[in-house]
Amino acid sequence: MDAIADFLGQLGRTVLRLALALAAAVFLMSLLVASLVVVAGVSLWSLVTGRKPAPMVLFGRMRERSRQASQGVWRGQAGTARQADVVDVEAREVDDDRSGRQS
C-alpha cells in the first residue's frame, strides 16, 4: 500500500511540474509575441511618420556619449562649442508685480 501512495505522489509531482513548465512556456511565448507586435507597430509608425523611433534616438545618444567618454571628449572642452554658439547678454531684473500694469 505504501508503494502505491509513493507512486501516486511521484506521479502528482511530475504532473504538477509539467503543468507549471507548460504555463511558464506559454507565458514566455506570449511575452515574446507581444514584444514582436510592439516592435512591428513602432516600426510601422516610424515609417508612416518618417521619424526615427524614440528608443532608437535615445540609444543613439547613449552610444554617442559613451563613445565621447571613451575618447575623452567632454562638453566643457574647447572645440566642442563654436564661438558663434555663445551669446553674451546683459542681465536685467524683471518685476513680478502685475497689479501696477494697465491692461
PDB file of N, CA and C in Angstrom:
ATOM      1  N   MET A   1       0.816  -1.189   0.000  1.00  0.00           N
ATOM      2  CA  MET A   1       0.000   0.000   0.000  1.00  0.00           C
ATOM      3  C   MET A   1       0.861   1.254   0.000  1.00  0.00           C
ATOM      4  N   ASP A   2       2.010   1.173   0.672  1.00  0.00           N
ATOM      5  CA  ASP A   2       2.919   2.306   0.737  1.00  0.00           C
ATOM      6  C   ASP A   2       3.530   2.589  -0.639  1.00  0.00           C
ATOM      7  N   ALA A   3       3.767   1.570  -1.426  1.00  0.00           N
ATOM      8  CA  ALA A   3       4.356   1.733  -2.756  1.00  0.00           C
ATOM      9  C   ALA A   3       3.384   2.447  -3.689  1.00  0.00           C
ATOM     10  N   ILE A   4       2.112   2.141  -3.554  1.00  0.00           N
ATOM     11  CA  ILE A   4       1.097   2.782  -4.405  1.00  0.00           C
ATOM     12  C   ILE A   4       0.994   4.264  -4.046  1.00  0.00           C
ATOM     13  N   ALA A   5       1.021   4.611  -2.765  1.00  0.00           N
ATOM     14  CA  ALA A   5       0.949   6.007  -2.335  1.00  0.00           C
ATOM     15  C   ALA A   5       2.178   6.775  -2.807  1.00  0.00           C
ATOM     16  N   ASP A   6       3.357   6.149  -2.729  1.00  0.00           N
ATOM     17  CA  ASP A   6       4.583   6.792  -3.214  1.00  0.00           C
ATOM     18  C   ASP A   6       4.517   7.027  -4.723  1.00  0.00           C
ATOM     19  N   PHE A   7       3.987   6.011  -5.448  1.00  0.00           N
ATOM     20  CA  PHE A   7       3.867   6.140  -6.896  1.00  0.00           C
ATOM     21  C   PHE A   7       2.901   7.272  -7.266  1.00  0.00           C
ATOM     22  N   LEU A   8       1.764   7.326  -6.583  1.00  0.00           N
ATOM     23  CA  LEU A   8       0.784   8.382  -6.871  1.00  0.00           C
ATOM     24  C   LEU A   8       1.329   9.760  -6.498  1.00  0.00           C
ATOM     25  N   GLY A   9       2.070   9.835  -5.408  1.00  0.00           N
ATOM     26  CA  GLY A   9       2.689  11.109  -5.021  1.00  0.00           C
ATOM     27  C   GLY A   9       3.714  11.564  -6.050  1.00  0.00           C
ATOM     28  N   GLN A  10       4.530  10.628  -6.500  1.00  0.00           N
ATOM     29  CA  GLN A  10       5.537  10.949  -7.525  1.00  0.00           C
ATOM     30  C   GLN A  10       4.855  11.356  -8.830  1.00  0.00           C
ATOM     31  N   LEU A  11       3.793  10.655  -9.198  1.00  0.00           N
ATOM     32  CA  LEU A  11       3.048  10.978 -10.410  1.00  0.00           C
ATOM     33  C   LEU A  11       2.415  12.361 -10.301  1.00  0.00           C
ATOM     34  N   GLY A  12       1.859  12.683  -9.142  1.00  0.00           N
ATOM     35  CA  GLY A  12       1.260  14.009  -8.932  1.00  0.00           C
ATOM     36  C   GLY A  12       2.291  15.123  -9.022  1.00  0.00           C
ATOM     37  N   ARG A  13       3.481  14.919  -8.423  1.00  0.00           N
ATOM     38  CA  ARG A  13       4.539  15.926  -8.506  1.00  0.00           C
ATOM     39  C   ARG A  13       5.010  16.120  -9.945  1.00  0.00           C
ATOM     40  N   THR A  14       5.123  15.023 -10.683  1.00  0.00           N
ATOM     41  CA  THR A  14       5.564  15.103 -12.076  1.00  0.00           C
ATOM     42  C   THR A  14       4.547  15.854 -12.929  1.00  0.00           C
ATOM     43  N   VAL A  15       3.264  15.555 -12.725  1.00  0.00           N
ATOM     44  CA  VAL A  15       2.213  16.238 -13.483  1.00  0.00           C
ATOM     45  C   VAL A  15       2.199  17.726 -13.129  1.00  0.00           C
ATOM     46  N   LEU A  16       2.366  18.047 -11.847  1.00  0.00           N
ATOM     47  CA  LEU A  16       2.387  19.449 -11.427  1.00  0.00           C
ATOM     48  C   LEU A  16       3.575  20.186 -12.026  1.00  0.00           C
ATOM     49  N   ARG A  17       4.747  19.555 -12.029  1.00  0.00           N
ATOM     50  CA  ARG A  17       5.931  20.178 -12.629  1.00  0.00           C
ATOM     51  C   ARG A  17       5.737  20.397 -14.128  1.00  0.00           C
ATOM     52  N   LEU A  18       5.162  19.418 -14.811  1.00  0.00           N
ATOM     53  CA  LEU A  18       4.909  19.582 -16.244  1.00  0.00           C
ATOM     54  C   LEU A  18       3.908  20.700 -16.518  1.00  0.00           C
ATOM     55  N   ALA A  19       2.876  20.787 -15.685  1.00  0.00           N
ATOM     56  CA  ALA A  19       1.878  21.845 -15.858  1.00  0.00           C
ATOM     57  C   ALA A  19       2.499  23.217 -15.624  1.00  0.00           C
ATOM     58  N   LEU A  20       3.337  23.343 -14.591  1.00  0.00           N
ATOM     59  CA  LEU A  20       3.992  24.625 -14.335  1.00  0.00           C
ATOM     60  C   LEU A  20       4.993  24.976 -15.432  1.00  0.00           C
ATOM     61  N   ALA A  21       5.708  23.988 -15.941  1.00  0.00           N
ATOM     62  CA  ALA A  21       6.642  24.238 -17.042  1.00  0.00           C
ATOM     63  C   ALA A  21       5.893  24.667 -18.296  1.00  0.00           C
ATOM     64  N   LEU A  22       4.755  24.030 -18.557  1.00  0.00           N
ATOM     65  CA  LEU A  22       3.940  24.404 -19.703  1.00  0.00           C
ATOM     66  C   LEU A  22       3.387  25.818 -19.541  1.00  0.00           C
ATOM     67  N   ALA A  23       2.943  26.177 -18.335  1.00  0.00           N
ATOM     68  CA  ALA A  23       2.435  27.526 -18.081  1.00  0.00           C
ATOM     69  C   ALA A  23       3.540  28.562 -18.263  1.00  0.00           C
ATOM     70  N   ALA A  24       4.753  28.250 -17.796  1.00  0.00           N
ATOM     71  CA  ALA A  24       5.875  29.174 -17.977  1.00  0.00           C
ATOM     72  C   ALA A  24       6.218  29.333 -19.453  1.00  0.00           C
ATOM     73  N   ALA A  25       6.180  28.239 -20.201  1.00  0.00           N
ATOM     74  CA  ALA A  25       6.474  28.310 -21.633  1.00  0.00           C
ATOM     75  C   ALA A  25       5.426  29.136 -22.366  1.00  0.00           C
ATOM     76  N   VAL A  26       4.157  28.965 -22.012  1.00  0.00           N
ATOM     77  CA  VAL A  26       3.086  29.750 -22.645  1.00  0.00           C
ATOM     78  C   VAL A  26       3.251  31.226 -22.308  1.00  0.00           C
ATOM     79  N   PHE A  27       3.591  31.535 -21.054  1.00  0.00           N
ATOM     80  CA  PHE A  27       3.798  32.922 -20.649  1.00  0.00           C
ATOM     81  C   PHE A  27       4.950  33.549 -21.419  1.00  0.00           C
ATOM     82  N   LEU A  28       6.077  32.840 -21.516  1.00  0.00           N
ATOM     83  CA  LEU A  28       7.229  33.390 -22.234  1.00  0.00           C
ATOM     84  C   LEU A  28       6.946  33.567 -23.721  1.00  0.00           C
ATOM     85  N   MET A  29       6.234  32.625 -24.309  1.00  0.00           N
ATOM     86  CA  MET A  29       5.896  32.759 -25.730  1.00  0.00           C
ATOM     87  C   MET A  29       4.948  33.926 -25.972  1.00  0.00           C
ATOM     88  N   SER A  30       3.976  34.115 -25.077  1.00  0.00           N
ATOM     89  CA  SER A  30       3.065  35.248 -25.243  1.00  0.00           C
ATOM     90  C   SER A  30       3.802  36.568 -25.040  1.00  0.00           C
ATOM     91  N   LEU A  31       4.774  36.602 -24.127  1.00  0.00           N
ATOM     92  CA  LEU A  31       5.581  37.804 -23.935  1.00  0.00           C
ATOM     93  C   LEU A  31       6.425  38.092 -25.178  1.00  0.00           C
ATOM     94  N   LEU A  32       6.962  37.047 -25.775  1.00  0.00           N
ATOM     95  CA  LEU A  32       7.741  37.206 -26.999  1.00  0.00           C
ATOM     96  C   LEU A  32       6.869  37.715 -28.143  1.00  0.00           C
ATOM     97  N   VAL A  33       5.698  37.142 -28.302  1.00  0.00           N
ATOM     98  CA  VAL A  33       4.792  37.571 -29.368  1.00  0.00           C
ATOM     99  C   VAL A  33       4.347  39.022 -29.143  1.00  0.00           C
ATOM    100  N   ALA A  34       4.043  39.385 -27.893  1.00  0.00           N
ATOM    101  CA  ALA A  34       3.633  40.758 -27.600  1.00  0.00           C
ATOM    102  C   ALA A  34       4.752  41.737 -27.903  1.00  0.00           C
ATOM    103  N   SER A  35       5.985  41.388 -27.559  1.00  0.00           N
ATOM    104  CA  SER A  35       7.098  42.295 -27.848  1.00  0.00           C
ATOM    105  C   SER A  35       7.333  42.420 -29.349  1.00  0.00           C
ATOM    106  N   LEU A  36       7.165  41.337 -30.080  1.00  0.00           N
ATOM    107  CA  LEU A  36       7.299  41.413 -31.539  1.00  0.00           C
ATOM    108  C   LEU A  36       6.206  42.281 -32.157  1.00  0.00           C
ATOM    109  N   VAL A  37       5.001  42.201 -31.634  1.00  0.00           N
ATOM    110  CA  VAL A  37       3.904  43.043 -32.133  1.00  0.00           C
ATOM    111  C   VAL A  37       4.202  44.515 -31.851  1.00  0.00           C
ATOM    112  N   VAL A  38       4.727  44.813 -30.667  1.00  0.00           N
ATOM    113  CA  VAL A  38       5.056  46.198 -30.336  1.00  0.00           C
ATOM    114  C   VAL A  38       6.180  46.716 -31.234  1.00  0.00           C
ATOM    115  N   VAL A  39       7.200  45.905 -31.451  1.00  0.00           N
ATOM    116  CA  VAL A  39       8.309  46.325 -32.316  1.00  0.00           C
ATOM    117  C   VAL A  39       7.814  46.556 -33.741  1.00  0.00           C
ATOM    118  N   ALA A  40       6.967  45.680 -34.233  1.00  0.00           N
ATOM    119  CA  ALA A  40       6.420  45.845 -35.581  1.00  0.00           C
ATOM    120  C   ALA A  40       5.553  47.103 -35.655  1.00  0.00           C
ATOM    121  N   GLY A  41       4.752  47.345 -34.622  1.00  0.00           N
ATOM    122  CA  GLY A  41       3.908  48.538 -34.605  1.00  0.00           C
ATOM    123  C   GLY A  41       4.719  49.819 -34.566  1.00  0.00           C
ATOM    124  N   VAL A  42       5.761  49.849 -33.743  1.00  0.00           N
ATOM    125  CA  VAL A  42       6.611  51.044 -33.673  1.00  0.00           C
ATOM    126  C   VAL A  42       7.358  51.240 -34.988  1.00  0.00           C
ATOM    127  N   SER A  43       7.787  50.163 -35.598  1.00  0.00           N
ATOM    128  CA  SER A  43       8.484  50.275 -36.882  1.00  0.00           C
ATOM    129  C   SER A  43       7.550  50.806 -37.965  1.00  0.00           C
ATOM    130  N   LEU A  44       6.342  50.294 -38.005  1.00  0.00           N
ATOM    131  CA  LEU A  44       5.380  50.806 -38.999  1.00  0.00           C
ATOM    132  C   LEU A  44       5.033  52.260 -38.735  1.00  0.00           C
ATOM    133  N   TRP A  45       4.876  52.615 -37.459  1.00  0.00           N
ATOM    134  CA  TRP A  45       4.554  54.006 -37.122  1.00  0.00           C
ATOM    135  C   TRP A  45       5.699  54.938 -37.522  1.00  0.00           C
ATOM    136  N   SER A  46       6.935  54.495 -37.339  1.00  0.00           N
ATOM    137  CA  SER A  46       8.068  55.332 -37.726  1.00  0.00           C
ATOM    138  C   SER A  46       8.153  55.458 -39.247  1.00  0.00           C
ATOM    139  N   LEU A  47       7.753  54.418 -39.959  1.00  0.00           N
ATOM    140  CA  LEU A  47       7.720  54.522 -41.422  1.00  0.00           C
ATOM    141  C   LEU A  47       6.636  55.487 -41.882  1.00  0.00           C
ATOM    142  N   VAL A  48       5.497  55.466 -41.216  1.00  0.00           N
ATOM    143  CA  VAL A  48       4.396  56.354 -41.594  1.00  0.00           C
ATOM    144  C   VAL A  48       4.734  57.804 -41.294  1.00  0.00           C
ATOM    145  N   THR A  49       5.296  58.061 -40.106  1.00  0.00           N
ATOM    146  CA  THR A  49       5.599  59.435 -39.714  1.00  0.00           C
ATOM    147  C   THR A  49       6.908  59.931 -40.300  1.00  0.00           C
ATOM    148  N   GLY A  50       7.792  59.046 -40.698  1.00  0.00           N
ATOM    149  CA  GLY A  50       9.061  59.453 -41.270  1.00  0.00           C
ATOM    150  C   GLY A  50      10.109  59.836 -40.247  1.00  0.00           C
ATOM    151  N   ARG A  51       9.879  59.526 -38.988  1.00  0.00           N
ATOM    152  CA  ARG A  51      10.838  59.854 -37.929  1.00  0.00           C
ATOM    153  C   ARG A  51      11.377  58.571 -37.322  1.00  0.00           C
ATOM    154  N   LYS A  52      12.564  58.691 -36.722  1.00  0.00           N
ATOM    155  CA  LYS A  52      13.124  57.536 -36.023  1.00  0.00           C
ATOM    156  C   LYS A  52      12.328  57.290 -34.755  1.00  0.00           C
ATOM    157  N   PRO A  53      12.189  56.035 -34.353  1.00  0.00           N
ATOM    158  CA  PRO A  53      11.516  55.758 -33.084  1.00  0.00           C
ATOM    159  C   PRO A  53      12.310  56.346 -31.915  1.00  0.00           C
ATOM    160  N   ALA A  54      11.606  56.750 -30.872  1.00  0.00           N
ATOM    161  CA  ALA A  54      12.242  57.378 -29.711  1.00  0.00           C
ATOM    162  C   ALA A  54      13.296  56.486 -29.065  1.00  0.00           C
ATOM    163  N   PRO A  55      13.062  55.175 -28.914  1.00  0.00           N
ATOM    164  CA  PRO A  55      14.133  54.353 -28.320  1.00  0.00           C
ATOM    165  C   PRO A  55      15.400  54.339 -29.163  1.00  0.00           C
ATOM    166  N   MET A  56      15.277  54.380 -30.474  1.00  0.00           N
ATOM    167  CA  MET A  56      16.461  54.393 -31.324  1.00  0.00           C
ATOM    168  C   MET A  56      17.234  55.694 -31.145  1.00  0.00           C
ATOM    169  N   VAL A  57      16.514  56.809 -31.024  1.00  0.00           N
ATOM    170  CA  VAL A  57      17.173  58.092 -30.801  1.00  0.00           C
ATOM    171  C   VAL A  57      17.877  58.088 -29.454  1.00  0.00           C
ATOM    172  N   LEU A  58      17.205  57.565 -28.427  1.00  0.00           N
ATOM    173  CA  LEU A  58      17.792  57.513 -27.094  1.00  0.00           C
ATOM    174  C   LEU A  58      19.038  56.636 -27.071  1.00  0.00           C
ATOM    175  N   PHE A  59      18.973  55.451 -27.677  1.00  0.00           N
ATOM    176  CA  PHE A  59      20.132  54.570 -27.695  1.00  0.00           C
ATOM    177  C   PHE A  59      21.256  55.159 -28.536  1.00  0.00           C
ATOM    178  N   GLY A  60      20.912  55.893 -29.586  1.00  0.00           N
ATOM    179  CA  GLY A  60      21.941  56.561 -30.379  1.00  0.00           C
ATOM    180  C   GLY A  60      22.670  57.619 -29.580  1.00  0.00           C
ATOM    181  N   ARG A  61      21.916  58.377 -28.787  1.00  0.00           N
ATOM    182  CA  ARG A  61      22.549  59.391 -27.931  1.00  0.00           C
ATOM    183  C   ARG A  61      23.436  58.735 -26.882  1.00  0.00           C
ATOM    184  N   MET A  62      22.953  57.664 -26.270  1.00  0.00           N
ATOM    185  CA  MET A  62      23.761  56.981 -25.257  1.00  0.00           C
ATOM    186  C   MET A  62      25.037  56.411 -25.881  1.00  0.00           C
ATOM    187  N   ARG A  63      24.934  55.858 -27.085  1.00  0.00           N
ATOM    188  CA  ARG A  63      26.106  55.306 -27.758  1.00  0.00           C
ATOM    189  C   ARG A  63      27.099  56.421 -28.100  1.00  0.00           C
ATOM    190  N   GLU A  64      26.583  57.573 -28.524  1.00  0.00           N
ATOM    191  CA  GLU A  64      27.456  58.705 -28.839  1.00  0.00           C
ATOM    192  C   GLU A  64      28.156  59.223 -27.594  1.00  0.00           C
ATOM    193  N   ARG A  65      27.436  59.320 -26.497  1.00  0.00           N
ATOM    194  CA  ARG A  65      28.056  59.798 -25.245  1.00  0.00           C
ATOM    195  C   ARG A  65      29.088  58.806 -24.723  1.00  0.00           C
ATOM    196  N   SER A  66      28.822  57.524 -24.842  1.00  0.00           N
ATOM    197  CA  SER A  66      29.817  56.549 -24.393  1.00  0.00           C
ATOM    198  C   SER A  66      31.048  56.593 -25.292  1.00  0.00           C
ATOM    199  N   ARG A  67      30.841  56.844 -26.572  1.00  0.00           N
ATOM    200  CA  ARG A  67      31.978  56.982 -27.485  1.00  0.00           C
ATOM    201  C   ARG A  67      32.792  58.214 -27.123  1.00  0.00           C
ATOM    202  N   GLN A  68      32.111  59.330 -26.818  1.00  0.00           N
ATOM    203  CA  GLN A  68      32.814  60.546 -26.421  1.00  0.00           C
ATOM    204  C   GLN A  68      33.560  60.343 -25.112  1.00  0.00           C
ATOM    205  N   ALA A  69      32.946  59.633 -24.167  1.00  0.00           N
ATOM    206  CA  ALA A  69      33.602  59.395 -22.881  1.00  0.00           C
ATOM    207  C   ALA A  69      34.828  58.519 -23.055  1.00  0.00           C
ATOM    208  N   SER A  70      34.766  57.552 -23.959  1.00  0.00           N
ATOM    209  CA  SER A  70      35.919  56.686 -24.161  1.00  0.00           C
ATOM    210  C   SER A  70      37.045  57.423 -24.872  1.00  0.00           C
ATOM    211  N   GLN A  71      36.709  58.459 -25.642  1.00  0.00           N
ATOM    212  CA  GLN A  71      37.729  59.253 -26.336  1.00  0.00           C
ATOM    213  C   GLN A  71      38.200  60.429 -25.485  1.00  0.00           C
ATOM    214  N   GLY A  72      37.533  60.681 -24.370  1.00  0.00           N
ATOM    215  CA  GLY A  72      37.936  61.792 -23.514  1.00  0.00           C
ATOM    216  C   GLY A  72      37.370  63.123 -23.936  1.00  0.00           C
ATOM    217  N   VAL A  73      36.358  63.142 -24.779  1.00  0.00           N
ATOM    218  CA  VAL A  73      35.744  64.388 -25.221  1.00  0.00           C
ATOM    219  C   VAL A  73      34.567  64.688 -24.319  1.00  0.00           C
ATOM    220  N   TRP A  74      34.610  65.811 -23.645  1.00  0.00           N
ATOM    221  CA  TRP A  74      33.533  66.220 -22.755  1.00  0.00           C
ATOM    222  C   TRP A  74      32.977  67.551 -23.216  1.00  0.00           C
ATOM    223  N   ARG A  75      31.836  67.904 -22.728  1.00  0.00           N
ATOM    224  CA  ARG A  75      31.125  69.093 -23.144  1.00  0.00           C
ATOM    225  C   ARG A  75      31.913  70.376 -22.878  1.00  0.00           C
ATOM    226  N   GLY A  76      32.625  70.441 -21.772  1.00  0.00           N
ATOM    227  CA  GLY A  76      33.300  71.668 -21.385  1.00  0.00           C
ATOM    228  C   GLY A  76      34.626  71.902 -22.079  1.00  0.00           C
ATOM    229  N   GLN A  77      35.109  70.974 -22.865  1.00  0.00           N
ATOM    230  CA  GLN A  77      36.398  71.142 -23.509  1.00  0.00           C
ATOM    231  C   GLN A  77      36.297  72.088 -24.689  1.00  0.00           C
ATOM    232  N   ALA A  78      37.412  72.722 -24.997  1.00  0.00           N
ATOM    233  CA  ALA A  78      37.461  73.635 -26.139  1.00  0.00           C
ATOM    234  C   ALA A  78      37.280  72.846 -27.429  1.00  0.00           C
ATOM    235  N   GLY A  79      36.644  73.465 -28.378  1.00  0.00           N
ATOM    236  CA  GLY A  79      36.440  72.811 -29.659  1.00  0.00           C
ATOM    237  C   GLY A  79      35.064  72.173 -29.778  1.00  0.00           C
ATOM    238  N   THR A  80      34.369  71.956 -28.670  1.00  0.00           N
ATOM    239  CA  THR A  80      33.042  71.356 -28.764  1.00  0.00           C
ATOM    240  C   THR A  80      31.994  72.415 -29.067  1.00  0.00           C
ATOM    241  N   ALA A  81      32.212  73.649 -28.600  1.00  0.00           N
ATOM    242  CA  ALA A  81      31.268  74.738 -28.882  1.00  0.00           C
ATOM    243  C   ALA A  81      31.980  75.785 -29.737  1.00  0.00           C
ATOM    244  N   ARG A  82      31.336  76.203 -30.802  1.00  0.00           N
ATOM    245  CA  ARG A  82      31.909  77.232 -31.653  1.00  0.00           C
ATOM    246  C   ARG A  82      31.672  78.589 -31.034  1.00  0.00           C
ATOM    247  N   GLN A  83      32.423  79.563 -31.473  1.00  0.00           N
ATOM    248  CA  GLN A  83      32.297  80.912 -30.942  1.00  0.00           C
ATOM    249  C   GLN A  83      30.927  81.500 -31.288  1.00  0.00           C
ATOM    250  N   ALA A  84      30.352  81.134 -32.422  1.00  0.00           N
ATOM    251  CA  ALA A  84      29.065  81.681 -32.838  1.00  0.00           C
ATOM    252  C   ALA A  84      27.916  81.149 -31.988  1.00  0.00           C
ATOM    253  N   ASP A  85      28.127  80.040 -31.275  1.00  0.00           N
ATOM    254  CA  ASP A  85      27.079  79.464 -30.445  1.00  0.00           C
ATOM    255  C   ASP A  85      26.910  80.193 -29.119  1.00  0.00           C
ATOM    256  N   VAL A  86      27.897  81.001 -28.727  1.00  0.00           N
ATOM    257  CA  VAL A  86      27.877  81.670 -27.428  1.00  0.00           C
ATOM    258  C   VAL A  86      27.329  83.075 -27.602  1.00  0.00           C
ATOM    259  N   VAL A  87      26.296  83.421 -26.809  1.00  0.00           N
ATOM    260  CA  VAL A  87      25.690  84.747 -26.856  1.00  0.00           C
ATOM    261  C   VAL A  87      25.820  85.366 -25.477  1.00  0.00           C
ATOM    262  N   ASP A  88      26.431  86.557 -25.399  1.00  0.00           N
ATOM    263  CA  ASP A  88      26.612  87.253 -24.130  1.00  0.00           C
ATOM    264  C   ASP A  88      25.571  88.360 -24.058  1.00  0.00           C
ATOM    265  N   VAL A  89      24.747  88.338 -23.020  1.00  0.00           N
ATOM    266  CA  VAL A  89      23.687  89.334 -22.880  1.00  0.00           C
ATOM    267  C   VAL A  89      23.774  89.992 -21.514  1.00  0.00           C
ATOM    268  N   GLU A  90      23.186  91.186 -21.418  1.00  0.00           N
ATOM    269  CA  GLU A  90      23.091  91.883 -20.145  1.00  0.00           C
ATOM    270  C   GLU A  90      21.913  91.319 -19.369  1.00  0.00           C
ATOM    271  N   ALA A  91      22.106  91.038 -18.095  1.00  0.00           N
ATOM    272  CA  ALA A  91      21.021  90.542 -17.254  1.00  0.00           C
ATOM    273  C   ALA A  91      20.249  91.723 -16.696  1.00  0.00           C
ATOM    274  N   ARG A  92      18.935  91.590 -16.616  1.00  0.00           N
ATOM    275  CA  ARG A  92      18.123  92.632 -16.003  1.00  0.00           C
ATOM    276  C   ARG A  92      17.051  91.966 -15.156  1.00  0.00           C
ATOM    277  N   GLU A  93      16.633  92.673 -14.130  1.00  0.00           N
ATOM    278  CA  GLU A  93      15.656  92.126 -13.209  1.00  0.00           C
ATOM    279  C   GLU A  93      14.255  92.416 -13.719  1.00  0.00           C
ATOM    280  N   VAL A  94      13.380  91.428 -13.645  1.00  0.00           N
ATOM    281  CA  VAL A  94      12.003  91.567 -14.096  1.00  0.00           C
ATOM    282  C   VAL A  94      11.119  91.555 -12.867  1.00  0.00           C
ATOM    283  N   ASP A  95      10.294  92.632 -12.728  1.00  0.00           N
ATOM    284  CA  ASP A  95       9.375  92.690 -11.593  1.00  0.00           C
ATOM    285  C   ASP A  95       8.217  91.765 -11.814  1.00  0.00           C
ATOM    286  N   ASP A  96       7.803  91.083 -10.751  1.00  0.00           N
ATOM    287  CA  ASP A  96       6.677  90.154 -10.834  1.00  0.00           C
ATOM    288  C   ASP A  96       5.387  90.845 -10.432  1.00  0.00           C
ATOM    289  N   ASP A  97       5.406  92.129 -10.119  1.00  0.00           N
ATOM    290  CA  ASP A  97       4.230  92.857  -9.683  1.00  0.00           C
ATOM    291  C   ASP A  97       3.396  93.234 -10.904  1.00  0.00           C
ATOM    292  N   ARG A  98       2.262  92.588 -11.063  1.00  0.00           N
ATOM    293  CA  ARG A  98       1.416  92.843 -12.223  1.00  0.00           C
ATOM    294  C   ARG A  98       0.249  93.773 -11.897  1.00  0.00           C
ATOM    295  N   SER A  99       0.120  94.132 -10.611  1.00  0.00           N
ATOM    296  CA  SER A  99      -1.005  94.988 -10.225  1.00  0.00           C
ATOM    297  C   SER A  99      -0.848  96.409 -10.761  1.00  0.00           C
ATOM    298  N   GLY A 100       0.374  96.875 -11.002  1.00  0.00           N
ATOM    299  CA  GLY A 100       0.609  98.222 -11.496  1.00  0.00           C
ATOM    300  C   GLY A 100       0.436  98.341 -13.001  1.00  0.00           C
ATOM    301  N   ARG A 101       0.325  97.255 -13.696  1.00  0.00           N
ATOM    302  CA  ARG A 101       0.183  97.304 -15.156  1.00  0.00           C
ATOM    303  C   ARG A 101      -1.255  97.603 -15.559  1.00  0.00           C
ATOM    304  N   GLN A 102      -1.394  98.318 -16.627  1.00  0.00           N
ATOM    305  CA  GLN A 102      -2.730  98.586 -17.166  1.00  0.00           C
ATOM    306  C   GLN A 102      -2.974  97.656 -18.322  1.00  0.00           C
ATOM    307  N   SER A 103      -4.190  97.125 -18.405  1.00  0.00           N
ATOM    308  CA  SER A 103      -4.472  96.203 -19.482  1.00  0.00           C
ATOM    309  C   SER A 103      -5.279  96.805 -20.581  1.00  0.00           C
TER     310      SER A 103
END
